[in-house]
Amino acid sequence: MRWLALAALLVLVPFTMAATGWRDARELLHAREWRPVEGAMAQTTEYDGAAVRLVSVDVLPFEPGLPADRTFVRTRLSLVPGAAGAQWSDCTLKLVDGTGRSWAAIDTVPDLLQRALAKPGEPPGVACDGLAVSAAKPGVPLAIDGYYLVPRAVAAQLQLTVSTRGGRPRYLRFARGATP
């Protein structure tokens, strides 16, 4: 009888750990960016049920009175949802340099900064969040803006990464390139 209990213990404990660990592993996959999907400036790439294109990366030029060591950067994406009610929950926009340092998009952006980086005649963009994307109509482009405060020395070398909960562990990584 002791051998039966020991055998059951040797089978049931690993099985229980595997069953509970499987959910944790799946959760970890949706929390981390593991597999890049390469994209290029102005190239449309399919990601998490939408067509995504990096439209521009704009750097605030240096002016007297601004800090000499850092600057603001705006990235603009064009996103075309493929289906009504597409969910882009937990959308993450980051700029990453060659050493792996990253800068997340600013949550609250002052109107003055938005006006300083806007191009003439350009419609305002929205933040990358699930509400903005789920409210968008299928096939209608949506402008998504991300604003970042980065060191001025690396501003020209940064790559944009985009990920969503439903798209992870895959994420979009846009190659460096000149703005069209």
N, C-alpha and C. Protein backbone atom coordinates (compact mmCIF):
# COMPACT_ATOMS: atom_id res chain seq x y z
N MET A 1 0.81 -1.20 0.00
CA MET A 1 0.00 0.00 0.00
C MET A 1 0.86 1.27 0.00
N ARG A 2 2.01 1.20 0.72
CA ARG A 2 2.91 2.36 0.74
C ARG A 2 3.47 2.62 -0.65
N TRP A 3 3.75 1.56 -1.38
CA TRP A 3 4.30 1.73 -2.72
C TRP A 3 3.27 2.36 -3.66
N LEU A 4 2.05 2.02 -3.48
CA LEU A 4 0.98 2.59 -4.29
C LEU A 4 0.83 4.09 -3.99
N ALA A 5 0.89 4.43 -2.72
CA ALA A 5 0.81 5.85 -2.33
C ALA A 5 2.01 6.63 -2.87
N LEU A 6 3.19 6.04 -2.80
CA LEU A 6 4.39 6.69 -3.31
C LEU A 6 4.33 6.85 -4.83
N ALA A 7 3.85 5.83 -5.52
CA ALA A 7 3.71 5.90 -6.97
C ALA A 7 2.69 6.97 -7.36
N ALA A 8 1.58 7.02 -6.62
CA ALA A 8 0.57 8.05 -6.90
C ALA A 8 1.15 9.44 -6.66
N LEU A 9 1.95 9.59 -5.62
CA LEU A 9 2.58 10.87 -5.32
C LEU A 9 3.54 11.27 -6.44
N LEU A 10 4.31 10.31 -6.94
CA LEU A 10 5.26 10.60 -8.01
C LEU A 10 4.57 10.97 -9.31
N VAL A 11 3.36 10.51 -9.51
CA VAL A 11 2.61 10.83 -10.72
C VAL A 11 1.78 12.10 -10.54
N LEU A 12 1.08 12.20 -9.44
CA LEU A 12 0.14 13.31 -9.25
C LEU A 12 0.82 14.66 -9.00
N VAL A 13 1.91 14.68 -8.27
CA VAL A 13 2.58 15.96 -8.00
C VAL A 13 3.10 16.60 -9.29
N PRO A 14 3.86 15.89 -10.13
CA PRO A 14 4.29 16.52 -11.39
C PRO A 14 3.12 16.89 -12.30
N PHE A 15 2.08 16.04 -12.33
CA PHE A 15 0.91 16.35 -13.15
C PHE A 15 0.23 17.63 -12.67
N THR A 16 0.08 17.79 -11.38
CA THR A 16 -0.53 19.00 -10.81
C THR A 16 0.33 20.22 -11.11
N MET A 17 1.63 20.08 -10.96
CA MET A 17 2.52 21.20 -11.25
C MET A 17 2.45 21.59 -12.73
N ALA A 18 2.39 20.60 -13.60
CA ALA A 18 2.31 20.87 -15.04
C ALA A 18 0.98 21.55 -15.38
N ALA A 19 -0.10 21.08 -14.78
CA ALA A 19 -1.41 21.66 -15.08
C ALA A 19 -1.49 23.12 -14.64
N THR A 20 -1.00 23.43 -13.46
CA THR A 20 -1.05 24.82 -12.99
C THR A 20 0.02 25.66 -13.67
N GLY A 21 1.16 25.06 -13.96
CA GLY A 21 2.24 25.79 -14.62
C GLY A 21 1.94 26.14 -16.06
N TRP A 22 1.10 25.33 -16.71
CA TRP A 22 0.73 25.60 -18.10
C TRP A 22 0.02 26.95 -18.23
N ARG A 23 -0.89 27.23 -17.30
CA ARG A 23 -1.59 28.52 -17.33
C ARG A 23 -0.61 29.67 -17.09
N ASP A 24 0.32 29.47 -16.17
CA ASP A 24 1.32 30.50 -15.90
C ASP A 24 2.21 30.73 -17.12
N ALA A 25 2.59 29.66 -17.80
CA ALA A 25 3.42 29.79 -19.00
C ALA A 25 2.68 30.53 -20.10
N ARG A 26 1.40 30.24 -20.28
CA ARG A 26 0.60 30.95 -21.29
C ARG A 26 0.49 32.43 -20.94
N GLU A 27 0.31 32.73 -19.66
CA GLU A 27 0.23 34.12 -19.21
C GLU A 27 1.56 34.84 -19.47
N LEU A 28 2.65 34.15 -19.23
CA LEU A 28 3.98 34.72 -19.47
C LEU A 28 4.17 35.03 -20.95
N LEU A 29 3.68 34.17 -21.84
CA LEU A 29 3.79 34.42 -23.27
C LEU A 29 3.08 35.70 -23.67
N HIS A 30 1.95 35.99 -23.04
CA HIS A 30 1.20 37.20 -23.38
C HIS A 30 1.73 38.44 -22.67
N ALA A 31 2.67 38.27 -21.77
CA ALA A 31 3.23 39.40 -21.05
C ALA A 31 4.56 39.86 -21.63
N ARG A 32 5.24 39.01 -22.36
CA ARG A 32 6.58 39.31 -22.86
C ARG A 32 6.62 39.34 -24.38
N GLU A 33 7.56 40.12 -24.90
CA GLU A 33 7.80 40.18 -26.34
C GLU A 33 8.98 39.27 -26.65
N TRP A 34 8.71 38.16 -27.34
CA TRP A 34 9.76 37.18 -27.60
C TRP A 34 10.15 37.11 -29.08
N ARG A 35 9.17 37.21 -30.00
CA ARG A 35 9.45 36.98 -31.41
C ARG A 35 9.14 38.22 -32.23
N PRO A 36 10.18 38.88 -32.76
CA PRO A 36 9.93 40.08 -33.55
C PRO A 36 9.38 39.77 -34.94
N VAL A 37 8.51 40.63 -35.40
CA VAL A 37 8.03 40.63 -36.77
C VAL A 37 8.58 41.91 -37.37
N GLU A 38 9.50 41.78 -38.31
CA GLU A 38 10.19 42.94 -38.85
C GLU A 38 9.29 43.72 -39.80
N GLY A 39 9.37 45.03 -39.71
CA GLY A 39 8.65 45.92 -40.60
C GLY A 39 9.58 47.05 -41.00
N ALA A 40 9.24 47.74 -42.05
CA ALA A 40 10.05 48.87 -42.52
C ALA A 40 9.17 50.11 -42.57
N MET A 41 9.82 51.26 -42.56
CA MET A 41 9.11 52.52 -42.65
C MET A 41 8.23 52.52 -43.89
N ALA A 42 6.98 52.90 -43.73
CA ALA A 42 5.99 53.03 -44.80
C ALA A 42 5.56 51.69 -45.40
N GLN A 43 5.97 50.58 -44.82
CA GLN A 43 5.55 49.25 -45.28
C GLN A 43 4.42 48.76 -44.37
N THR A 44 3.35 48.24 -44.96
CA THR A 44 2.23 47.73 -44.18
C THR A 44 2.52 46.30 -43.74
N THR A 45 2.30 46.05 -42.46
CA THR A 45 2.54 44.74 -41.86
C THR A 45 1.30 44.30 -41.11
N GLU A 46 0.89 43.06 -41.27
CA GLU A 46 -0.27 42.52 -40.55
C GLU A 46 0.15 42.15 -39.13
N TYR A 47 -0.65 42.59 -38.15
CA TYR A 47 -0.37 42.26 -36.75
C TYR A 47 -1.66 42.29 -35.95
N ASP A 48 -1.95 41.25 -35.27
CA ASP A 48 -3.09 41.13 -34.35
C ASP A 48 -4.40 41.63 -34.98
N GLY A 49 -4.68 41.19 -36.20
CA GLY A 49 -5.94 41.51 -36.86
C GLY A 49 -6.03 42.89 -37.47
N ALA A 50 -4.89 43.55 -37.67
CA ALA A 50 -4.91 44.89 -38.25
C ALA A 50 -3.71 45.06 -39.19
N ALA A 51 -3.86 45.97 -40.14
CA ALA A 51 -2.75 46.34 -41.01
C ALA A 51 -2.09 47.57 -40.39
N VAL A 52 -0.80 47.47 -40.10
CA VAL A 52 -0.07 48.52 -39.38
C VAL A 52 1.05 49.05 -40.26
N ARG A 53 1.18 50.37 -40.29
CA ARG A 53 2.23 51.02 -41.08
C ARG A 53 2.83 52.15 -40.27
N LEU A 54 4.16 52.20 -40.19
CA LEU A 54 4.85 53.32 -39.54
C LEU A 54 4.90 54.47 -40.53
N VAL A 55 4.21 55.54 -40.21
CA VAL A 55 4.10 56.69 -41.11
C VAL A 55 5.27 57.64 -40.93
N SER A 56 5.60 57.97 -39.67
CA SER A 56 6.68 58.93 -39.43
C SER A 56 7.26 58.78 -38.04
N VAL A 57 8.51 59.23 -37.93
CA VAL A 57 9.20 59.38 -36.65
C VAL A 57 9.73 60.81 -36.66
N ASP A 58 9.20 61.64 -35.78
CA ASP A 58 9.54 63.07 -35.76
C ASP A 58 10.25 63.42 -34.47
N VAL A 59 11.39 64.11 -34.61
CA VAL A 59 12.19 64.53 -33.46
C VAL A 59 12.05 66.03 -33.30
N LEU A 60 11.77 66.48 -32.07
CA LEU A 60 11.67 67.91 -31.78
C LEU A 60 13.05 68.53 -31.94
N PRO A 61 13.21 69.50 -32.85
CA PRO A 61 14.53 70.10 -33.06
C PRO A 61 14.96 70.92 -31.84
N PHE A 62 16.26 71.05 -31.68
CA PHE A 62 16.80 71.81 -30.55
C PHE A 62 16.51 73.29 -30.74
N GLU A 63 16.06 73.92 -29.69
CA GLU A 63 15.85 75.36 -29.65
C GLU A 63 16.40 75.88 -28.34
N PRO A 64 16.87 77.13 -28.30
CA PRO A 64 17.35 77.68 -27.03
C PRO A 64 16.25 77.60 -25.97
N GLY A 65 16.63 77.20 -24.78
CA GLY A 65 15.67 77.05 -23.70
C GLY A 65 15.27 75.61 -23.45
N LEU A 66 15.53 74.74 -24.42
CA LEU A 66 15.25 73.31 -24.24
C LEU A 66 16.50 72.62 -23.70
N PRO A 67 16.34 71.52 -22.99
CA PRO A 67 17.52 70.78 -22.51
C PRO A 67 18.37 70.30 -23.69
N ALA A 68 19.67 70.42 -23.57
CA ALA A 68 20.56 70.03 -24.66
C ALA A 68 20.76 68.53 -24.73
N ASP A 69 20.50 67.81 -23.64
CA ASP A 69 20.81 66.38 -23.62
C ASP A 69 19.63 65.46 -23.92
N ARG A 70 18.41 65.98 -24.02
CA ARG A 70 17.26 65.12 -24.31
C ARG A 70 16.26 65.86 -25.20
N THR A 71 15.40 65.08 -25.82
CA THR A 71 14.41 65.65 -26.72
C THR A 71 13.16 64.78 -26.74
N PHE A 72 12.13 65.31 -27.36
CA PHE A 72 10.89 64.56 -27.52
C PHE A 72 10.84 63.98 -28.93
N VAL A 73 10.27 62.79 -29.02
CA VAL A 73 10.09 62.10 -30.30
C VAL A 73 8.62 61.70 -30.40
N ARG A 74 8.06 61.87 -31.61
CA ARG A 74 6.70 61.39 -31.86
C ARG A 74 6.77 60.33 -32.95
N THR A 75 6.08 59.21 -32.71
CA THR A 75 5.92 58.20 -33.76
C THR A 75 4.46 58.19 -34.16
N ARG A 76 4.21 58.04 -35.45
CA ARG A 76 2.84 57.97 -35.94
C ARG A 76 2.67 56.67 -36.72
N LEU A 77 1.67 55.91 -36.30
CA LEU A 77 1.30 54.67 -36.98
C LEU A 77 -0.04 54.87 -37.67
N SER A 78 -0.21 54.22 -38.80
CA SER A 78 -1.51 54.12 -39.43
C SER A 78 -1.97 52.69 -39.21
N LEU A 79 -3.12 52.54 -38.57
CA LEU A 79 -3.64 51.22 -38.25
C LEU A 79 -5.00 51.07 -38.90
N VAL A 80 -5.18 49.99 -39.64
CA VAL A 80 -6.46 49.71 -40.29
C VAL A 80 -7.00 48.41 -39.69
N PRO A 81 -8.01 48.51 -38.79
CA PRO A 81 -8.57 47.29 -38.19
C PRO A 81 -9.21 46.41 -39.25
N GLY A 82 -9.02 45.10 -39.09
CA GLY A 82 -9.57 44.17 -40.06
C GLY A 82 -10.99 43.75 -39.76
N ALA A 83 -11.42 43.87 -38.51
CA ALA A 83 -12.76 43.43 -38.12
C ALA A 83 -13.34 44.40 -37.11
N ALA A 84 -14.66 44.45 -37.07
CA ALA A 84 -15.33 45.32 -36.09
C ALA A 84 -15.03 44.82 -34.69
N GLY A 85 -14.78 45.76 -33.79
CA GLY A 85 -14.52 45.41 -32.40
C GLY A 85 -13.18 44.76 -32.17
N ALA A 86 -12.21 44.99 -33.07
CA ALA A 86 -10.87 44.42 -32.87
C ALA A 86 -10.31 44.91 -31.54
N GLN A 87 -9.75 44.01 -30.80
CA GLN A 87 -9.23 44.34 -29.48
C GLN A 87 -7.71 44.50 -29.53
N TRP A 88 -7.24 45.66 -29.17
CA TRP A 88 -5.81 45.90 -29.05
C TRP A 88 -5.53 46.23 -27.59
N SER A 89 -5.91 45.35 -26.70
CA SER A 89 -5.72 45.62 -25.28
C SER A 89 -4.24 45.51 -24.91
N ASP A 90 -3.86 46.27 -23.91
CA ASP A 90 -2.49 46.31 -23.40
C ASP A 90 -1.51 46.63 -24.52
N CYS A 91 -1.85 47.63 -25.32
CA CYS A 91 -0.98 48.07 -26.42
C CYS A 91 0.26 48.75 -25.83
N THR A 92 1.42 48.34 -26.31
CA THR A 92 2.68 48.90 -25.81
C THR A 92 3.49 49.44 -26.98
N LEU A 93 3.84 50.71 -26.89
CA LEU A 93 4.73 51.34 -27.86
C LEU A 93 6.03 51.67 -27.13
N LYS A 94 7.16 51.29 -27.73
CA LYS A 94 8.46 51.58 -27.13
C LYS A 94 9.44 51.96 -28.21
N LEU A 95 10.38 52.83 -27.85
CA LEU A 95 11.54 53.09 -28.69
C LEU A 95 12.72 52.37 -28.05
N VAL A 96 13.49 51.65 -28.87
CA VAL A 96 14.60 50.83 -28.36
C VAL A 96 15.87 51.22 -29.11
N ASP A 97 16.99 51.38 -28.35
CA ASP A 97 18.26 51.68 -29.00
C ASP A 97 19.04 50.40 -29.25
N GLY A 98 20.22 50.52 -29.84
CA GLY A 98 21.03 49.36 -30.20
C GLY A 98 21.54 48.55 -29.03
N THR A 99 21.57 49.13 -27.83
CA THR A 99 22.05 48.40 -26.65
C THR A 99 20.92 47.73 -25.88
N GLY A 100 19.68 47.93 -26.33
CA GLY A 100 18.54 47.30 -25.66
C GLY A 100 17.80 48.20 -24.68
N ARG A 101 18.30 49.41 -24.46
CA ARG A 101 17.56 50.34 -23.60
C ARG A 101 16.27 50.73 -24.29
N SER A 102 15.21 50.92 -23.51
CA SER A 102 13.92 51.25 -24.12
C SER A 102 13.25 52.41 -23.39
N TRP A 103 12.43 53.13 -24.14
CA TRP A 103 11.66 54.24 -23.61
C TRP A 103 10.20 54.03 -23.99
N ALA A 104 9.34 53.99 -23.01
CA ALA A 104 7.91 53.78 -23.24
C ALA A 104 7.24 55.09 -23.62
N ALA A 105 6.13 54.99 -24.31
CA ALA A 105 5.37 56.18 -24.69
C ALA A 105 4.83 56.87 -23.45
N ILE A 106 4.77 58.19 -23.50
CA ILE A 106 4.26 59.01 -22.40
C ILE A 106 2.74 58.88 -22.38
N ASP A 107 2.17 58.69 -21.20
CA ASP A 107 0.71 58.53 -21.08
C ASP A 107 -0.04 59.83 -21.30
N THR A 108 0.38 60.90 -20.64
CA THR A 108 -0.30 62.19 -20.74
C THR A 108 0.61 63.16 -21.48
N VAL A 109 0.15 63.60 -22.65
CA VAL A 109 0.97 64.44 -23.52
C VAL A 109 0.42 65.86 -23.52
N PRO A 110 1.24 66.86 -23.18
CA PRO A 110 0.78 68.25 -23.21
C PRO A 110 0.38 68.68 -24.62
N ASP A 111 -0.65 69.50 -24.71
CA ASP A 111 -1.12 69.99 -26.02
C ASP A 111 -0.01 70.74 -26.76
N LEU A 112 0.81 71.48 -26.03
CA LEU A 112 1.89 72.25 -26.65
C LEU A 112 2.86 71.32 -27.38
N LEU A 113 3.17 70.19 -26.78
CA LEU A 113 4.07 69.22 -27.42
C LEU A 113 3.41 68.61 -28.65
N GLN A 114 2.13 68.30 -28.57
CA GLN A 114 1.42 67.75 -29.72
C GLN A 114 1.43 68.74 -30.88
N ARG A 115 1.21 70.01 -30.59
CA ARG A 115 1.23 71.03 -31.65
C ARG A 115 2.63 71.22 -32.22
N ALA A 116 3.66 71.14 -31.36
CA ALA A 116 5.04 71.35 -31.82
C ALA A 116 5.49 70.25 -32.78
N LEU A 117 5.00 69.04 -32.61
CA LEU A 117 5.41 67.93 -33.46
C LEU A 117 4.43 67.60 -34.58
N ALA A 118 3.28 68.25 -34.60
CA ALA A 118 2.29 68.00 -35.65
C ALA A 118 2.74 68.63 -36.96
N LYS A 119 2.38 67.97 -38.05
CA LYS A 119 2.68 68.50 -39.38
C LYS A 119 1.47 69.29 -39.86
N PRO A 120 1.67 70.32 -40.69
CA PRO A 120 0.55 71.13 -41.16
C PRO A 120 -0.52 70.29 -41.86
N GLY A 121 -1.77 70.49 -41.48
CA GLY A 121 -2.89 69.80 -42.09
C GLY A 121 -3.08 68.36 -41.64
N GLU A 122 -2.28 67.91 -40.72
CA GLU A 122 -2.35 66.53 -40.26
C GLU A 122 -3.44 66.38 -39.21
N PRO A 123 -4.31 65.37 -39.33
CA PRO A 123 -5.34 65.18 -38.31
C PRO A 123 -4.71 64.70 -37.00
N PRO A 124 -5.34 64.99 -35.88
CA PRO A 124 -4.77 64.53 -34.60
C PRO A 124 -4.83 63.01 -34.50
N GLY A 125 -3.83 62.46 -33.83
CA GLY A 125 -3.80 61.02 -33.61
C GLY A 125 -4.33 60.68 -32.23
N VAL A 126 -4.51 59.41 -31.97
CA VAL A 126 -4.98 58.94 -30.66
C VAL A 126 -3.88 58.08 -30.04
N ALA A 127 -4.01 57.86 -28.74
CA ALA A 127 -3.08 56.97 -28.04
C ALA A 127 -3.38 55.53 -28.44
N CYS A 128 -2.39 54.68 -28.31
CA CYS A 128 -2.57 53.27 -28.64
C CYS A 128 -3.22 52.57 -27.46
N ASP A 129 -4.53 52.47 -27.50
CA ASP A 129 -5.23 51.74 -26.44
C ASP A 129 -6.38 50.96 -27.05
N GLY A 130 -6.86 50.01 -26.32
CA GLY A 130 -7.91 49.13 -26.82
C GLY A 130 -9.19 49.85 -27.17
N LEU A 131 -9.53 50.91 -26.44
CA LEU A 131 -10.78 51.62 -26.71
C LEU A 131 -10.74 52.30 -28.07
N ALA A 132 -9.62 52.95 -28.40
CA ALA A 132 -9.52 53.65 -29.68
C ALA A 132 -9.62 52.68 -30.85
N VAL A 133 -8.98 51.54 -30.73
CA VAL A 133 -8.97 50.57 -31.83
C VAL A 133 -10.31 49.86 -31.94
N SER A 134 -10.90 49.47 -30.82
CA SER A 134 -12.17 48.74 -30.88
C SER A 134 -13.30 49.63 -31.38
N ALA A 135 -13.19 50.95 -31.19
CA ALA A 135 -14.22 51.87 -31.68
C ALA A 135 -14.03 52.21 -33.16
N ALA A 136 -12.86 51.91 -33.72
CA ALA A 136 -12.58 52.22 -35.12
C ALA A 136 -13.38 51.29 -36.03
N LYS A 137 -13.73 51.82 -37.20
CA LYS A 137 -14.49 51.04 -38.18
C LYS A 137 -13.52 50.19 -39.00
N PRO A 138 -13.91 48.96 -39.33
CA PRO A 138 -13.05 48.10 -40.15
C PRO A 138 -12.74 48.76 -41.49
N GLY A 139 -11.49 48.69 -41.89
CA GLY A 139 -11.07 49.25 -43.16
C GLY A 139 -10.81 50.74 -43.16
N VAL A 140 -11.10 51.43 -42.05
CA VAL A 140 -10.88 52.88 -41.97
C VAL A 140 -9.59 53.13 -41.19
N PRO A 141 -8.62 53.83 -41.80
CA PRO A 141 -7.34 54.06 -41.11
C PRO A 141 -7.52 54.89 -39.84
N LEU A 142 -6.72 54.53 -38.85
CA LEU A 142 -6.71 55.22 -37.56
C LEU A 142 -5.27 55.65 -37.30
N ALA A 143 -5.05 56.94 -36.99
CA ALA A 143 -3.71 57.45 -36.69
C ALA A 143 -3.43 57.27 -35.20
N ILE A 144 -2.35 56.56 -34.90
CA ILE A 144 -1.95 56.33 -33.51
C ILE A 144 -0.61 57.01 -33.28
N ASP A 145 -0.57 57.89 -32.29
CA ASP A 145 0.65 58.63 -31.96
C ASP A 145 1.24 58.14 -30.65
N GLY A 146 2.56 58.09 -30.60
CA GLY A 146 3.29 57.82 -29.37
C GLY A 146 4.30 58.93 -29.17
N TYR A 147 4.39 59.45 -27.96
CA TYR A 147 5.34 60.52 -27.63
C TYR A 147 6.31 60.00 -26.58
N TYR A 148 7.59 60.35 -26.74
CA TYR A 148 8.64 59.81 -25.88
C TYR A 148 9.63 60.92 -25.53
N LEU A 149 10.23 60.84 -24.36
CA LEU A 149 11.33 61.70 -23.96
C LEU A 149 12.58 60.82 -23.96
N VAL A 150 13.53 61.14 -24.86
CA VAL A 150 14.71 60.28 -25.05
C VAL A 150 15.98 61.12 -25.04
N PRO A 151 17.14 60.48 -24.81
CA PRO A 151 18.40 61.21 -24.94
C PRO A 151 18.59 61.69 -26.38
N ARG A 152 19.00 62.94 -26.54
CA ARG A 152 19.17 63.51 -27.88
C ARG A 152 20.20 62.73 -28.69
N ALA A 153 21.23 62.20 -28.04
CA ALA A 153 22.32 61.52 -28.74
C ALA A 153 21.86 60.24 -29.45
N VAL A 154 20.80 59.61 -28.98
CA VAL A 154 20.36 58.35 -29.60
C VAL A 154 19.07 58.49 -30.40
N ALA A 155 18.53 59.68 -30.49
CA ALA A 155 17.22 59.88 -31.12
C ALA A 155 17.17 59.36 -32.56
N ALA A 156 18.25 59.49 -33.30
CA ALA A 156 18.26 59.07 -34.70
C ALA A 156 18.46 57.56 -34.86
N GLN A 157 18.82 56.86 -33.78
CA GLN A 157 19.14 55.44 -33.88
C GLN A 157 18.04 54.53 -33.34
N LEU A 158 16.94 55.08 -32.92
CA LEU A 158 15.91 54.30 -32.22
C LEU A 158 15.00 53.53 -33.18
N GLN A 159 14.57 52.34 -32.73
CA GLN A 159 13.60 51.54 -33.45
C GLN A 159 12.30 51.52 -32.66
N LEU A 160 11.19 51.55 -33.36
CA LEU A 160 9.89 51.46 -32.71
C LEU A 160 9.47 50.00 -32.61
N THR A 161 8.98 49.62 -31.42
CA THR A 161 8.37 48.30 -31.25
C THR A 161 6.92 48.50 -30.81
N VAL A 162 6.05 47.63 -31.31
CA VAL A 162 4.62 47.69 -31.02
C VAL A 162 4.17 46.29 -30.64
N SER A 163 3.44 46.19 -29.53
CA SER A 163 2.90 44.88 -29.17
C SER A 163 1.56 45.05 -28.46
N THR A 164 0.76 44.00 -28.54
CA THR A 164 -0.53 43.96 -27.86
C THR A 164 -0.65 42.62 -27.13
N ARG A 165 -1.55 42.58 -26.20
CA ARG A 165 -1.74 41.33 -25.44
C ARG A 165 -2.09 40.16 -26.36
N GLY A 166 -2.99 40.40 -27.31
CA GLY A 166 -3.39 39.33 -28.22
C GLY A 166 -2.33 38.95 -29.23
N GLY A 167 -1.39 39.85 -29.49
CA GLY A 167 -0.34 39.59 -30.47
C GLY A 167 0.92 38.97 -29.88
N ARG A 168 1.12 39.16 -28.57
CA ARG A 168 2.32 38.60 -27.94
C ARG A 168 2.23 37.08 -27.88
N PRO A 169 3.36 36.40 -28.02
CA PRO A 169 4.74 36.83 -27.87
C PRO A 169 5.33 37.50 -29.11
N ARG A 170 4.57 37.57 -30.21
CA ARG A 170 5.05 38.29 -31.40
C ARG A 170 4.91 39.78 -31.16
N TYR A 171 5.80 40.57 -31.75
CA TYR A 171 5.70 42.02 -31.68
C TYR A 171 6.28 42.62 -32.95
N LEU A 172 5.82 43.81 -33.30
CA LEU A 172 6.34 44.49 -34.49
C LEU A 172 7.59 45.26 -34.11
N ARG A 173 8.59 45.19 -34.98
CA ARG A 173 9.81 45.98 -34.80
C ARG A 173 10.11 46.63 -36.13
N PHE A 174 10.04 47.96 -36.14
CA PHE A 174 10.24 48.70 -37.38
C PHE A 174 11.71 49.07 -37.53
N ALA A 175 12.26 48.76 -38.70
CA ALA A 175 13.66 49.05 -38.98
C ALA A 175 13.89 50.55 -39.03
N ARG A 176 15.11 50.91 -38.70
CA ARG A 176 15.49 52.32 -38.80
C ARG A 176 15.46 52.72 -40.26
N GLY A 177 15.10 53.94 -40.48
CA GLY A 177 15.08 54.42 -41.85
C GLY A 177 14.65 55.86 -41.88
N ALA A 178 14.82 56.46 -43.00
CA ALA A 178 14.44 57.86 -43.15
C ALA A 178 12.93 57.98 -43.22
N THR A 179 12.44 59.05 -42.70
CA THR A 179 11.01 59.33 -42.78
C THR A 179 10.65 59.64 -44.22
N PRO A 180 9.58 59.03 -44.74
CA PRO A 180 9.22 59.27 -46.15
C PRO A 180 8.80 60.71 -46.38
